Amino acid sequence: MKSPLLSLPGAVPAEGVDEGVAAHYGDLFREQRALADGTGFVDLSHRGVVTVTGDDRLAWLHLLLTQHVSDLPAGEATEALILSANGHIEHALYLVDDGTTTWAHVEPGSQEALIAYLESMKFFYRVEVADRTADTAVVHLPAGSIAEVPEGVAVRETPYGRDLFLPRDELEAFAAGAGPAAGILAHEALRVEQHRPRLGFETDHRTIPHELGWIGTAVHLQKGCYRGQETVARVQNLGKPPRRLVFLHLDGSEVHLPPAGAEIRLADDGPEGRKIGFVTTSVRHHELGPVALALVKRNVPVDARLTAEDTAAAQETVVEP
């Protein structure tokens, strides 16, 4: 779904999964600084939007999600996962309930598969699931923003800012008064700085929540049964995840960033050394320079010098080994 804000001056379209919104509006670092200062907004209108209504919505979602949501207060933001039977991450939902409707935004294009799963699990519960992507646009306001939120709009308030579920036909009018637009690349740079994983970027077909630090933020360890819970409990109580998320400070003298999937090796082993991980997201940050998130084997020493393809990298622990 192509955003009308791509008509704003300087807009350069994003590619890949973020196609449909702007990568940037002509000045990546200015846009990052604006968001860090609490000004401007990010057009996330390409993201999928799913709602659940009905008297049983929270009790029903509680049975399916990794998060404790049966008593979720109106207006309180949370995030949750849906796992496979083997505990691998299939969906990530960013949720808020407004008292009558549970709103969730999800990765672009993933809403159809999510809805199909939810519909298959309705049984006798009084719930209705709807795809609201066509009429609802997600907009992100950074932490500290004083932009006015239209009345009646569902809002997810988090430490990183506010996510608005805005009627799509109001997107252009809202943008006109919300300050400078920032592209998805600026949003991604701050996400990487904040060590926040993203489905499809930091995950692959075998990722479990422990590897990414989603225990606690998206997975509640004291709630009842849900699909994949056995794996979560077993790893939490009896073992360690096979991989761990790390934050990388990359050599700033290199012109090119190592792309997602770039192989990571121990620097002391040289270019022919054994692969011990891979880059998941790499960005240029307005203060930190080139940085990345990566998954490495759990037993990699936390002080080991690494290389991502040909780029030297120093690691910062996100998930403890």
Protein backbone atom coordinates (compact mmCIF):
# COMPACT_ATOMS: atom_id res chain seq x y z
CA MET A 1 0.00 0.00 0.00
CA LYS A 2 1.68 3.19 -1.20
CA SER A 3 1.64 6.11 1.23
CA PRO A 4 0.45 9.51 0.01
CA LEU A 5 3.33 11.01 1.99
CA LEU A 6 5.71 9.82 -0.70
CA SER A 7 4.67 13.03 -2.44
CA LEU A 8 6.35 15.14 0.27
CA PRO A 9 9.47 17.09 -0.85
CA GLY A 10 12.63 14.98 -0.93
CA ALA A 11 10.88 11.66 -0.31
CA VAL A 12 12.88 8.63 -1.48
CA PRO A 13 10.87 5.38 -1.48
CA ALA A 14 11.98 2.54 0.76
CA GLU A 15 12.62 -0.90 -0.70
CA GLY A 16 12.02 -4.46 0.41
CA VAL A 17 9.61 -5.16 3.24
CA ASP A 18 9.28 -1.42 3.95
CA GLU A 19 8.24 -0.59 0.41
CA GLY A 20 5.34 1.85 0.35
CA VAL A 21 6.73 4.51 2.69
CA ALA A 22 9.73 6.83 2.51
CA ALA A 23 13.22 5.59 3.29
CA HIS A 24 14.18 9.20 3.94
CA TYR A 25 13.30 12.75 2.93
CA GLY A 26 16.73 13.88 1.82
CA ASP A 27 18.75 14.11 5.05
CA LEU A 28 19.05 10.89 7.03
CA PHE A 29 21.04 12.30 9.95
CA ARG A 30 18.86 15.41 10.32
CA GLU A 31 15.82 13.13 10.47
CA GLN A 32 17.48 10.94 13.12
CA ARG A 33 18.40 13.97 15.23
CA ALA A 34 14.85 15.31 14.99
CA LEU A 35 13.42 12.02 16.28
CA ALA A 36 16.04 11.83 19.05
CA ASP A 37 15.03 15.36 20.08
CA GLY A 38 11.34 14.43 20.19
CA THR A 39 10.21 16.24 17.08
CA GLY A 40 8.65 15.10 13.82
CA PHE A 41 6.98 11.79 13.02
CA VAL A 42 7.52 8.56 11.08
CA ASP A 43 5.08 7.27 8.48
CA LEU A 44 4.53 3.57 9.24
CA SER A 45 1.36 3.33 7.17
CA HIS A 46 2.67 0.25 5.35
CA ARG A 47 2.38 -1.85 8.51
CA GLY A 48 -0.49 -4.28 8.92
CA VAL A 49 -3.29 -3.36 11.34
CA VAL A 50 -5.48 -6.01 12.99
CA THR A 51 -8.31 -5.47 15.48
CA VAL A 52 -10.11 -7.84 17.80
CA THR A 53 -13.51 -6.92 19.23
CA GLY A 54 -16.04 -8.75 21.39
CA ASP A 55 -16.56 -9.41 25.07
CA ASP A 56 -14.06 -12.29 25.15
CA ARG A 57 -11.28 -10.59 23.21
CA LEU A 58 -8.69 -10.24 26.01
CA ALA A 59 -9.38 -13.62 27.61
CA TRP A 60 -9.16 -15.24 24.17
CA LEU A 61 -5.96 -13.46 23.15
CA HIS A 62 -4.47 -14.43 26.50
CA LEU A 63 -4.73 -18.08 25.48
CA LEU A 64 -2.90 -17.52 22.18
CA LEU A 65 -0.20 -14.95 22.94
CA THR A 66 3.01 -15.11 24.93
CA GLN A 67 2.00 -12.01 26.89
CA HIS A 68 -0.35 -11.70 29.89
CA VAL A 69 -3.26 -9.72 28.44
CA SER A 70 -6.38 -11.06 30.18
CA ASP A 71 -6.45 -8.02 32.48
CA LEU A 72 -4.77 -5.53 30.16
CA PRO A 73 -5.91 -2.04 31.24
CA ALA A 74 -7.37 0.23 28.57
CA GLY A 75 -4.66 2.42 27.07
CA GLU A 76 -1.72 0.34 28.32
CA ALA A 77 0.66 -0.68 25.54
CA THR A 78 2.23 -4.11 25.36
CA GLU A 79 3.81 -6.42 22.83
CA ALA A 80 3.38 -10.14 22.32
CA LEU A 81 4.46 -13.05 20.16
CA ILE A 82 2.79 -16.03 18.58
CA LEU A 83 5.03 -19.08 18.56
CA SER A 84 5.03 -22.33 16.65
CA ALA A 85 4.50 -25.60 18.49
CA ASN A 86 8.30 -25.84 18.73
CA GLY A 87 8.62 -22.38 20.27
CA HIS A 88 9.88 -20.57 17.18
CA ILE A 89 8.66 -17.01 16.63
CA GLU A 90 5.97 -16.67 13.95
CA HIS A 91 4.35 -13.28 14.66
CA ALA A 92 5.10 -10.16 16.70
CA LEU A 93 2.16 -7.96 17.72
CA TYR A 94 2.32 -4.42 19.11
CA LEU A 95 -0.89 -4.05 21.09
CA VAL A 96 -3.16 -1.63 22.89
CA ASP A 97 -6.77 -2.01 24.03
CA ASP A 98 -9.03 1.04 24.04
CA GLY A 99 -11.74 -0.48 26.24
CA THR A 100 -13.80 -1.97 23.42
CA THR A 101 -11.24 -2.94 20.76
CA THR A 102 -7.78 -4.47 20.85
CA TRP A 103 -5.56 -2.84 18.22
CA ALA A 104 -2.34 -4.40 16.94
CA HIS A 105 0.15 -3.40 14.30
CA VAL A 106 2.33 -6.06 12.71
CA GLU A 107 5.00 -6.43 10.04
CA PRO A 108 3.96 -5.33 6.54
CA GLY A 109 2.15 -8.12 4.72
CA SER A 110 2.00 -10.46 7.72
CA GLN A 111 -1.54 -9.59 8.74
CA GLU A 112 -3.21 -12.09 6.42
CA ALA A 113 -1.37 -15.09 7.88
CA LEU A 114 -1.96 -13.77 11.40
CA ILE A 115 -5.69 -13.35 10.79
CA ALA A 116 -5.93 -16.83 9.28
CA TYR A 117 -4.40 -18.29 12.43
CA LEU A 118 -6.62 -16.23 14.74
CA GLU A 119 -9.74 -17.19 12.81
CA SER A 120 -8.82 -20.87 13.12
CA MET A 121 -8.71 -20.49 16.91
CA LYS A 122 -12.02 -18.69 17.53
CA PHE A 123 -14.08 -21.75 18.48
CA PHE A 124 -16.97 -20.63 20.71
CA TYR A 125 -15.41 -17.34 21.89
CA ARG A 126 -17.29 -14.10 21.34
CA VAL A 127 -14.67 -12.33 19.23
CA GLU A 128 -14.41 -10.74 15.82
CA VAL A 129 -11.08 -10.34 14.02
CA ALA A 130 -10.69 -7.71 11.30
CA ASP A 131 -7.99 -6.53 8.90
CA ARG A 132 -7.96 -2.74 9.29
CA THR A 133 -4.89 -2.07 7.16
CA ALA A 134 -6.88 -0.52 4.31
CA ASP A 135 -8.48 2.14 6.50
CA THR A 136 -5.92 2.63 9.29
CA ALA A 137 -2.40 4.06 9.09
CA VAL A 138 0.20 3.65 11.82
CA VAL A 139 2.16 6.82 12.63
CA HIS A 140 5.02 7.00 15.13
CA LEU A 141 5.67 10.05 17.31
CA PRO A 142 9.05 9.97 19.11
CA ALA A 143 9.43 10.13 22.88
CA GLY A 144 9.05 13.71 24.04
CA SER A 145 6.85 14.74 21.12
CA ILE A 146 4.23 17.39 21.89
CA ALA A 147 2.35 16.85 18.63
CA GLU A 148 -1.40 16.88 19.12
CA VAL A 149 -3.12 13.52 18.76
CA PRO A 150 -6.53 13.59 17.05
CA GLU A 151 -9.44 12.79 19.33
CA GLY A 152 -10.66 9.19 19.30
CA VAL A 153 -7.43 7.71 17.91
CA ALA A 154 -6.04 4.58 19.60
CA VAL A 155 -2.53 5.26 20.93
CA ARG A 156 0.27 2.96 22.10
CA GLU A 157 2.38 4.90 24.61
CA THR A 158 5.84 3.33 25.07
CA PRO A 159 9.22 4.51 26.39
CA TYR A 160 10.27 5.01 22.75
CA GLY A 161 7.30 7.15 21.72
CA ARG A 162 3.68 6.83 20.68
CA ASP A 163 2.21 4.71 17.90
CA LEU A 164 -1.03 6.17 16.55
CA PHE A 165 -3.72 4.14 14.76
CA LEU A 166 -4.85 6.97 12.51
CA PRO A 167 -7.72 6.85 10.00
CA ARG A 168 -5.91 6.52 6.69
CA ASP A 169 -7.85 9.35 5.08
CA GLU A 170 -6.53 11.70 7.80
CA LEU A 171 -2.87 10.87 7.24
CA GLU A 172 -2.00 13.81 5.00
CA ALA A 173 -3.79 16.35 7.19
CA PHE A 174 -2.05 14.99 10.30
CA ALA A 175 1.36 15.10 8.59
CA ALA A 176 0.87 18.75 7.67
CA GLY A 177 0.77 19.73 11.34
CA ALA A 178 2.99 17.13 12.98
CA GLY A 179 6.40 18.60 12.25
CA PRO A 180 9.17 17.33 9.97
CA ALA A 181 8.72 13.88 8.45
CA ALA A 182 11.40 11.29 9.14
CA GLY A 183 11.88 8.21 7.00
CA ILE A 184 11.95 4.56 7.97
CA LEU A 185 15.78 4.54 7.89
CA ALA A 186 15.89 7.07 10.73
CA HIS A 187 13.36 5.01 12.67
CA GLU A 188 15.47 1.88 12.08
CA ALA A 189 18.66 3.59 13.21
CA LEU A 190 17.09 4.47 16.55
CA ARG A 191 15.63 0.97 16.85
CA VAL A 192 19.08 -0.55 16.45
CA GLU A 193 20.54 1.92 18.98
CA GLN A 194 17.82 0.82 21.43
CA HIS A 195 18.64 -2.89 20.83
CA ARG A 196 15.03 -3.65 19.85
CA PRO A 197 14.55 -6.75 17.66
CA ARG A 198 12.25 -6.75 14.65
CA LEU A 199 10.46 -9.77 13.21
CA GLY A 200 11.98 -10.84 9.91
CA PHE A 201 15.15 -8.86 10.58
CA GLU A 202 16.50 -10.31 13.83
CA THR A 203 14.50 -13.53 13.39
CA ASP A 204 14.73 -16.52 11.11
CA HIS A 205 12.78 -19.78 10.95
CA ARG A 206 14.33 -21.13 14.16
CA THR A 207 14.54 -18.07 16.42
CA ILE A 208 13.23 -18.45 19.97
CA PRO A 209 12.38 -15.46 22.20
CA HIS A 210 15.31 -15.92 24.61
CA GLU A 211 17.84 -15.24 21.85
CA LEU A 212 16.57 -11.70 21.27
CA GLY A 213 15.81 -10.51 24.79
CA TRP A 214 12.05 -10.73 24.25
CA ILE A 215 11.61 -12.52 27.60
CA GLY A 216 9.87 -10.05 29.88
CA THR A 217 8.95 -7.49 27.23
CA ALA A 218 6.93 -9.78 24.95
CA VAL A 219 6.90 -13.08 26.87
CA HIS A 220 5.34 -13.41 30.33
CA LEU A 221 6.82 -16.33 32.23
CA GLN A 222 4.05 -16.71 34.82
CA LYS A 223 0.99 -16.92 32.58
CA GLY A 224 -0.99 -19.98 31.51
CA CYS A 225 -0.52 -22.32 28.61
CA TYR A 226 -0.01 -21.18 25.01
CA ARG A 227 1.45 -22.79 21.93
CA GLY A 228 5.22 -23.10 22.25
CA GLN A 229 5.25 -22.55 26.00
CA GLU A 230 7.04 -25.84 26.64
CA THR A 231 10.10 -24.64 24.74
CA VAL A 232 10.06 -21.27 26.51
CA ALA A 233 9.86 -22.92 29.95
CA ARG A 234 12.49 -25.56 29.16
CA VAL A 235 15.06 -23.05 27.96
CA GLN A 236 14.29 -20.66 30.80
CA ASN A 237 14.55 -23.28 33.52
CA LEU A 238 16.97 -25.88 32.23
CA GLY A 239 19.23 -24.43 29.60
CA LYS A 240 20.44 -21.53 27.49
CA PRO A 241 19.45 -20.41 23.99
CA PRO A 242 21.85 -21.46 21.22
CA ARG A 243 22.37 -17.86 20.02
CA ARG A 244 22.32 -14.38 21.51
CA LEU A 245 21.67 -10.88 20.19
CA VAL A 246 24.61 -8.46 20.21
CA PHE A 247 25.08 -4.80 19.29
CA LEU A 248 28.06 -4.12 17.05
CA HIS A 249 30.17 -0.99 16.71
CA LEU A 250 31.52 -1.21 13.17
CA ASP A 251 34.76 0.16 11.77
CA GLY A 252 33.83 3.66 10.58
CA SER A 253 36.57 3.79 7.94
CA GLU A 254 34.68 1.32 5.75
CA VAL A 255 32.56 2.85 2.97
CA HIS A 256 30.00 0.07 2.85
CA LEU A 257 27.96 -1.39 5.67
CA PRO A 258 27.94 -5.18 5.98
CA PRO A 259 24.46 -6.20 4.79
CA ALA A 260 21.93 -8.34 6.61
CA GLY A 261 23.19 -11.90 6.47
CA ALA A 262 26.86 -10.90 6.42
CA GLU A 263 28.87 -13.64 8.13
CA ILE A 264 30.56 -12.90 11.44
CA ARG A 265 33.84 -14.50 12.46
CA LEU A 266 36.36 -14.13 15.25
CA ALA A 267 38.88 -11.51 14.14
CA ASP A 268 41.77 -13.62 15.43
CA ASP A 269 40.74 -16.50 13.15
CA GLY A 270 41.01 -14.43 9.98
CA PRO A 271 38.74 -14.50 6.90
CA GLU A 272 38.87 -18.29 6.69
CA GLY A 273 37.73 -18.77 10.27
CA ARG A 274 34.55 -20.51 11.32
CA LYS A 275 31.30 -18.59 10.97
CA ILE A 276 29.96 -17.76 14.44
CA GLY A 277 26.99 -15.55 13.56
CA PHE A 278 25.50 -13.09 11.10
CA VAL A 279 24.42 -9.46 10.85
CA THR A 280 20.67 -8.91 11.13
CA THR A 281 20.39 -5.11 10.69
CA SER A 282 23.10 -2.54 9.95
CA VAL A 283 22.62 1.25 9.97
CA ARG A 284 24.46 4.55 10.06
CA HIS A 285 23.66 6.36 13.29
CA HIS A 286 23.92 10.13 13.63
CA GLU A 287 26.09 9.88 16.78
CA LEU A 288 27.43 6.32 16.97
CA GLY A 289 28.42 5.97 13.33
CA PRO A 290 28.01 2.57 11.65
CA VAL A 291 26.38 0.07 14.02
CA ALA A 292 24.48 -3.18 13.71
CA LEU A 293 22.52 -5.87 15.47
CA ALA A 294 23.68 -9.44 15.02
CA LEU A 295 23.06 -12.98 16.21
CA VAL A 296 26.10 -14.91 17.39
CA LYS A 297 26.60 -18.29 19.00
CA ARG A 298 26.00 -18.17 22.73
CA ASN A 299 29.51 -19.31 23.65
CA VAL A 300 31.30 -16.50 21.77
CA PRO A 301 33.31 -14.60 24.42
CA VAL A 302 31.73 -11.23 25.20
CA ASP A 303 35.09 -9.48 24.77
CA ALA A 304 36.05 -11.21 21.51
CA ARG A 305 36.97 -9.01 18.55
CA LEU A 306 34.80 -9.81 15.55
CA THR A 307 34.62 -9.18 11.83
CA ALA A 308 31.44 -8.82 9.81
CA GLU A 309 32.58 -9.83 6.32
CA ASP A 310 35.65 -7.57 6.01
CA THR A 311 34.58 -4.99 8.60
CA ALA A 312 36.05 -4.97 12.10
CA ALA A 313 33.40 -5.01 14.83
CA ALA A 314 33.37 -4.59 18.60
CA GLN A 315 30.45 -6.22 20.36
CA GLU A 316 28.21 -4.91 23.13
CA THR A 317 26.18 -7.47 25.04
CA VAL A 318 22.39 -7.35 24.60
CA VAL A 319 21.48 -10.89 25.69
CA GLU A 320 23.74 -12.39 28.33
CA PRO A 321 25.48 -15.66 27.34
